[in-house]
C-alpha atoms as a PDB file:
ATOM      1  CA  MET A   1       0.175   0.181   0.070  1.00  0.00           C
ATOM      2  CA  PHE A   2       1.164   3.420  -0.900  1.00  0.00           C
ATOM      3  CA  ASP A   3       2.071   5.718   2.379  1.00  0.00           C
ATOM      4  CA  VAL A   4       1.759   9.282   1.392  1.00  0.00           C
ATOM      5  CA  TRP A   5       2.988  10.532   4.862  1.00  0.00           C
ATOM      6  CA  ASN A   6       6.624   9.041   3.904  1.00  0.00           C
ATOM      7  CA  PHE A   7       6.467   9.984   0.345  1.00  0.00           C
ATOM      8  CA  CYS A   8       5.734  13.513   0.796  1.00  0.00           C
ATOM      9  CA  PRO A   9       5.835  14.803   4.017  1.00  0.00           C
ATOM     10  CA  SER A  10       6.861  18.517   3.359  1.00  0.00           C
ATOM     11  CA  VAL A  11       3.928  18.587   0.884  1.00  0.00           C
ATOM     12  CA  ILE A  12       1.707  17.842   3.623  1.00  0.00           C
ATOM     13  CA  PHE A  13       2.816  19.585   6.051  1.00  0.00           C
ATOM     14  CA  GLU A  14       2.414  22.932   3.644  1.00  0.00           C
ATOM     15  CA  LEU A  15      -1.256  21.625   3.215  1.00  0.00           C
ATOM     16  CA  ILE A  16      -1.750  21.207   6.920  1.00  0.00           C
ATOM     17  CA  GLN A  17      -0.537  24.630   7.394  1.00  0.00           C
ATOM     18  CA  ARG A  18      -2.388  26.281   4.673  1.00  0.00           C
ATOM     19  CA  ILE A  19      -5.452  24.603   5.856  1.00  0.00           C
ATOM     20  CA  ASN A  20      -4.592  26.033   9.638  1.00  0.00           C
ATOM     21  CA  SER A  21      -4.294  29.544   8.244  1.00  0.00           C
ATOM     22  CA  ILE A  22      -7.978  29.637   6.470  1.00  0.00           C
ATOM     23  CA  GLN A  23      -9.523  27.956   9.511  1.00  0.00           C
ATOM     24  CA  ARG A  24      -8.401  31.098  11.245  1.00  0.00           C
ATOM     25  CA  VAL A  25     -10.159  33.535   8.811  1.00  0.00           C
ATOM     26  CA  ILE A  26     -13.799  32.730   8.658  1.00  0.00           C
ATOM     27  CA  LEU A  27     -15.287  34.951   6.077  1.00  0.00           C
ATOM     28  CA  PHE A  28     -18.961  35.553   6.731  1.00  0.00           C
ATOM     29  CA  ALA A  29     -21.555  37.964   5.457  1.00  0.00           C
ATOM     30  CA  ASP A  30     -22.145  41.440   7.220  1.00  0.00           C
ATOM     31  CA  GLN A  31     -25.916  41.233   8.262  1.00  0.00           C
ATOM     32  CA  THR A  32     -25.976  45.303   7.760  1.00  0.00           C
ATOM     33  CA  GLY A  33     -25.595  44.622   4.034  1.00  0.00           C
ATOM     34  CA  SER A  34     -23.176  46.981   3.774  1.00  0.00           C
ATOM     35  CA  GLY A  35     -20.557  44.835   1.610  1.00  0.00           C
ATOM     36  CA  GLU A  36     -18.340  44.468   4.988  1.00  0.00           C
ATOM     37  CA  THR A  37     -17.306  40.645   5.803  1.00  0.00           C
ATOM     38  CA  MET A  38     -15.551  39.753   9.412  1.00  0.00           C
ATOM     39  CA  ALA A  39     -12.864  37.486   9.501  1.00  0.00           C
ATOM     40  CA  SER A  40     -12.852  35.701  12.964  1.00  0.00           C
ATOM     41  CA  GLY A  41     -10.258  33.303  14.523  1.00  0.00           C
ATOM     42  CA  GLY A  42     -10.550  31.765  17.939  1.00  0.00           C
ATOM     43  CA  SER A  43     -10.215  33.595  21.138  1.00  0.00           C
ATOM     44  CA  GLU A  44      -6.917  34.567  20.392  1.00  0.00           C
ATOM     45  CA  ALA A  45      -7.145  35.767  16.669  1.00  0.00           C
ATOM     46  CA  PRO A  46      -8.515  39.756  16.540  1.00  0.00           C
ATOM     47  CA  LYS A  47     -11.920  40.214  14.145  1.00  0.00           C
ATOM     48  CA  ILE A  48     -10.987  41.919  11.124  1.00  0.00           C
ATOM     49  CA  VAL A  49     -13.111  43.785   9.246  1.00  0.00           C
ATOM     50  CA  TRP A  50     -13.174  43.822   5.330  1.00  0.00           C
ATOM     51  CA  SER A  51     -14.485  46.820   4.330  1.00  0.00           C
ATOM     52  CA  GLU A  52     -14.469  46.569   0.675  1.00  0.00           C
ATOM     53  CA  ARG A  53     -15.942  49.996   0.032  1.00  0.00           C
ATOM     54  CA  VAL A  54     -12.179  51.641   0.976  1.00  0.00           C
ATOM     55  CA  GLY A  55     -10.144  48.622  -0.062  1.00  0.00           C
ATOM     56  CA  ARG A  56      -9.279  47.800   3.489  1.00  0.00           C
ATOM     57  CA  PHE A  57      -8.952  45.087   5.799  1.00  0.00           C
ATOM     58  CA  GLU A  58      -9.165  46.398   9.325  1.00  0.00           C
ATOM     59  CA  THR A  59      -9.249  45.633  13.169  1.00  0.00           C
ATOM     60  CA  GLU A  60     -12.495  46.422  14.251  1.00  0.00           C
ATOM     61  CA  ASP A  61     -11.680  49.469  15.727  1.00  0.00           C
ATOM     62  CA  ARG A  62     -10.204  50.555  12.430  1.00  0.00           C
ATOM     63  CA  GLU A  63      -7.078  51.625  14.012  1.00  0.00           C
ATOM     64  CA  ALA A  64      -5.123  48.731  12.441  1.00  0.00           C
ATOM     65  CA  TYR A  65      -5.411  48.117   8.833  1.00  0.00           C
ATOM     66  CA  LEU A  66      -4.328  46.571   5.120  1.00  0.00           C
ATOM     67  CA  GLU A  67      -4.795  48.687   2.226  1.00  0.00           C
ATOM     68  CA  TYR A  68      -5.208  46.956  -1.200  1.00  0.00           C
ATOM     69  CA  GLU A  69      -6.187  48.195  -4.443  1.00  0.00           C
ATOM     70  CA  LEU A  70      -7.664  46.229  -7.279  1.00  0.00           C
ATOM     71  CA  ARG A  71      -5.976  45.935 -10.524  1.00  0.00           C
ATOM     72  CA  ASP A  72      -6.565  44.199 -13.742  1.00  0.00           C
ATOM     73  CA  GLY A  73     -10.204  44.039 -13.936  1.00  0.00           C
ATOM     74  CA  GLY A  74     -10.758  43.030 -10.421  1.00  0.00           C
ATOM     75  CA  ARG A  75      -8.311  39.924 -10.801  1.00  0.00           C
ATOM     76  CA  VAL A  76      -5.519  41.366  -9.085  1.00  0.00           C
ATOM     77  CA  MET A  77      -4.816  42.340  -5.433  1.00  0.00           C
ATOM     78  CA  ASP A  78      -2.307  44.768  -4.853  1.00  0.00           C
ATOM     79  CA  ILE A  79      -1.646  45.051  -1.016  1.00  0.00           C
ATOM     80  CA  LEU A  80      -0.272  48.889  -0.602  1.00  0.00           C
ATOM     81  CA  HIS A  81       0.372  49.767   2.713  1.00  0.00           C
ATOM     82  CA  THR A  82       0.006  47.720   6.329  1.00  0.00           C
ATOM     83  CA  TYR A  83      -0.422  49.754   9.096  1.00  0.00           C
ATOM     84  CA  VAL A  84      -0.385  49.157  13.129  1.00  0.00           C
ATOM     85  CA  PRO A  85      -0.119  51.822  15.695  1.00  0.00           C
ATOM     86  CA  ARG A  86       2.679  51.496  18.171  1.00  0.00           C
ATOM     87  CA  SER A  87       0.145  50.874  21.192  1.00  0.00           C
ATOM     88  CA  LYS A  88      -0.777  47.585  19.576  1.00  0.00           C
ATOM     89  CA  ARG A  89       2.486  46.228  17.669  1.00  0.00           C
ATOM     90  CA  GLY A  90       4.128  43.010  18.631  1.00  0.00           C
ATOM     91  CA  VAL A  91       0.942  41.135  18.911  1.00  0.00           C
ATOM     92  CA  GLY A  92       0.735  39.640  15.543  1.00  0.00           C
ATOM     93  CA  LEU A  93      -1.961  42.184  14.000  1.00  0.00           C
ATOM     94  CA  ALA A  94      -0.237  42.944  10.836  1.00  0.00           C
ATOM     95  CA  SER A  95       0.128  38.949  10.202  1.00  0.00           C
ATOM     96  CA  HIS A  96      -3.448  38.417  10.889  1.00  0.00           C
ATOM     97  CA  LEU A  97      -4.238  41.581   8.585  1.00  0.00           C
ATOM     98  CA  CYS A  98      -2.352  39.416   5.824  1.00  0.00           C
ATOM     99  CA  VAL A  99      -3.621  36.489   6.425  1.00  0.00           C
ATOM    100  CA  ALA A 100      -7.188  37.541   6.121  1.00  0.00           C
ATOM    101  CA  ALA A 101      -6.076  39.575   2.842  1.00  0.00           C
ATOM    102  CA  PHE A 102      -4.480  36.286   1.398  1.00  0.00           C
ATOM    103  CA  ALA A 103      -7.323  33.968   2.199  1.00  0.00           C
ATOM    104  CA  HIS A 104      -9.953  36.477   0.731  1.00  0.00           C
ATOM    105  CA  ALA A 105      -7.757  36.813  -2.175  1.00  0.00           C
ATOM    106  CA  GLN A 106      -7.431  32.884  -2.197  1.00  0.00           C
ATOM    107  CA  SER A 107     -11.177  32.369  -1.792  1.00  0.00           C
ATOM    108  CA  HIS A 108     -12.002  34.690  -4.947  1.00  0.00           C
ATOM    109  CA  SER A 109      -9.474  33.777  -7.256  1.00  0.00           C
ATOM    110  CA  LEU A 110      -6.968  36.700  -7.015  1.00  0.00           C
ATOM    111  CA  SER A 111      -3.435  37.033  -7.412  1.00  0.00           C
ATOM    112  CA  VAL A 112      -1.466  39.081  -5.137  1.00  0.00           C
ATOM    113  CA  ILE A 113       1.128  41.757  -5.418  1.00  0.00           C
ATOM    114  CA  PRO A 114       3.066  42.589  -2.112  1.00  0.00           C
ATOM    115  CA  THR A 115       3.671  46.161  -2.779  1.00  0.00           C
ATOM    116  CA  CYS A 116       3.933  46.840   1.086  1.00  0.00           C
ATOM    117  CA  SER A 117       7.269  46.234   2.425  1.00  0.00           C
ATOM    118  CA  TYR A 118       6.048  44.515   5.637  1.00  0.00           C
ATOM    119  CA  VAL A 119       4.298  42.019   3.137  1.00  0.00           C
ATOM    120  CA  SER A 120       7.182  41.275   0.616  1.00  0.00           C
ATOM    121  CA  ASP A 121      10.001  41.474   3.235  1.00  0.00           C
ATOM    122  CA  THR A 122       8.447  40.046   6.799  1.00  0.00           C
ATOM    123  CA  PHE A 123       5.366  38.487   6.028  1.00  0.00           C
ATOM    124  CA  LEU A 124       6.010  36.229   2.774  1.00  0.00           C
ATOM    125  CA  PRO A 125       9.300  35.035   4.243  1.00  0.00           C
ATOM    126  CA  ARG A 126       7.884  33.885   7.224  1.00  0.00           C
ATOM    127  CA  ASN A 127       4.560  32.180   5.378  1.00  0.00           C
ATOM    128  CA  PRO A 128       5.651  31.087   1.887  1.00  0.00           C
ATOM    129  CA  SER A 129       2.672  28.797   1.508  1.00  0.00           C
ATOM    130  CA  TRP A 130       1.314  31.973   0.174  1.00  0.00           C
ATOM    131  CA  ASN A 131       3.647  32.469  -2.798  1.00  0.00           C
ATOM    132  CA  SER A 132       1.299  30.481  -4.704  1.00  0.00           C
ATOM    133  CA  ILE A 133      -1.123  32.999  -5.185  1.00  0.00           C
ATOM    134  CA  LEU A 134       1.333  35.959  -5.811  1.00  0.00           C
ATOM    135  CA  HIS A 135       1.144  37.772  -9.275  1.00  0.00           C
ATOM    136  CA  GLN A 136       2.823  35.651 -11.848  1.00  0.00           C
ATOM    137  CA  ASP A 137       5.365  37.992 -12.593  1.00  0.00           C
ATOM    138  CA  LEU A 138       6.359  38.472  -9.326  1.00  0.00           C
ATOM    139  CA  LYS A 139       6.796  34.573  -8.372  1.00  0.00           C
ATOM    140  CA  SER A 140      10.274  34.363  -9.543  1.00  0.00           C
ATOM    141  CA  HIS A 141      11.454  37.321  -7.578  1.00  0.00           C
ATOM    142  CA  ILE A 142      10.139  36.035  -4.112  1.00  0.00           C
END
């Protein structure tokens, strides 16, 4: 019998990491009909709000955020800027914002351009499983 665990443990590990990341970011429709959704992950993860109208993923208090623009007819998400106020730094908010944005892009079949230096220099090297949804022209540079 074929033992998949011995055959490709690194691939399985990467898939498990991706599934765990997606499970932490559960998107559900906001009942207000405003075009916003929330990402919520257990008791540790902060609630992240997708504000489609302004092109942002934000914490509920809107103090920390990730800004993006859609390009190429809405098929490419260009992540422009990530901001976390000094008082909230060091607890992983920027990473949670990125996971929400990348999970959203993946679930909507978007590719991602990581213009933001935090995303390209910190988040992606720490989370290489997300490289698979980078915009085609960038995959060779990351």
